[in-house]
């Protein structure tokens, strides 16, 4: 994940939203924080917090046949 170049005004506006509070990394890509991001390399769900494809693979391995996986 790479932030775009941010100005002091950009940062002040984002801080004023209070969206950063209680967030890992102090931003929420699924909210206003998306306006700060230039690009994502890899899985969007990793940025949000859950690597979906990996989670499904692990669950399918651990619980073969459950939920139609494995």
Protein backbone atom coordinates (compact mmCIF):
# COMPACT_ATOMS: atom_id res chain seq x y z
CA UNK A 1 0.00 0.00 0.00
CA UNK A 2 1.42 3.37 -0.95
CA UNK A 3 0.08 6.75 0.08
CA UNK A 4 -0.09 9.49 -2.50
CA UNK A 5 1.99 12.63 -1.80
CA UNK A 6 0.16 14.39 1.04
CA UNK A 7 0.19 18.07 1.87
CA UNK A 8 -0.16 19.47 5.38
CA UNK A 9 -3.71 20.49 4.38
CA UNK A 10 -4.53 16.91 3.30
CA UNK A 11 -3.33 15.61 6.64
CA UNK A 12 -5.19 18.26 8.64
CA UNK A 13 -8.41 17.50 6.79
CA UNK A 14 -8.03 13.78 7.43
CA UNK A 15 -7.21 14.26 11.10
CA UNK A 16 -10.32 16.43 11.44
CA UNK A 17 -12.51 13.50 10.31
CA UNK A 18 -11.47 11.47 13.40
CA UNK A 19 -11.64 8.38 11.18
CA UNK A 20 -8.06 7.59 12.17
CA UNK A 21 -8.94 6.93 15.81
CA UNK A 22 -8.71 3.31 16.86
CA UNK A 23 -7.30 2.22 13.50
CA UNK A 24 -4.19 0.21 12.88
CA UNK A 25 -1.97 2.52 10.88
CA UNK A 26 -4.30 5.45 11.69
CA UNK A 27 -6.36 5.20 8.51
CA UNK A 28 -9.29 3.24 7.13
CA UNK A 29 -8.94 2.41 3.46
CA UNK A 30 -12.62 1.48 3.30
CA UNK A 31 -13.56 5.03 4.37
CA UNK A 32 -12.24 8.55 3.83
CA UNK A 33 -8.72 7.13 4.10
CA UNK A 34 -9.11 5.75 0.57
CA UNK A 35 -8.48 9.29 -0.66
CA UNK A 36 -4.95 9.08 0.80
CA UNK A 37 -3.95 5.96 -1.13
CA UNK A 38 -2.10 5.99 -4.42
CA UNK A 39 -1.98 2.22 -4.98
CA UNK A 40 -2.20 -1.21 -3.42
CA UNK A 41 0.07 -4.08 -4.35
CA UNK A 42 -1.47 -7.41 -3.45
CA UNK A 43 -4.77 -8.26 -1.83
CA UNK A 44 -7.08 -5.38 -0.84
CA UNK A 45 -8.41 -7.58 1.97
CA UNK A 46 -4.94 -7.66 3.56
CA UNK A 47 -5.13 -3.89 3.87
CA UNK A 48 -8.62 -4.03 5.34
CA UNK A 49 -7.44 -6.66 7.78
CA UNK A 50 -8.46 -10.11 6.56
CA UNK A 51 -6.57 -11.91 3.80
CA UNK A 52 -9.66 -13.61 2.39
CA UNK A 53 -8.05 -16.10 0.01
CA UNK A 54 -5.58 -17.25 2.64
CA UNK A 55 -8.31 -17.57 5.27
CA UNK A 56 -10.43 -19.78 2.99
CA UNK A 57 -7.42 -21.99 2.19
CA UNK A 58 -6.58 -22.42 5.87
CA UNK A 59 -10.18 -23.16 6.82
CA UNK A 60 -10.49 -25.67 3.98
CA UNK A 61 -7.35 -27.42 5.19
CA UNK A 62 -8.37 -27.45 8.83
CA UNK A 63 -12.05 -28.25 8.29
CA UNK A 64 -12.06 -30.31 5.10
CA UNK A 65 -15.56 -30.80 3.72
CA UNK A 66 -17.15 -28.07 5.82
CA UNK A 67 -18.93 -25.31 3.90
CA UNK A 68 -18.18 -27.10 0.63
CA UNK A 69 -14.41 -26.50 0.75
CA UNK A 70 -11.66 -29.09 0.84
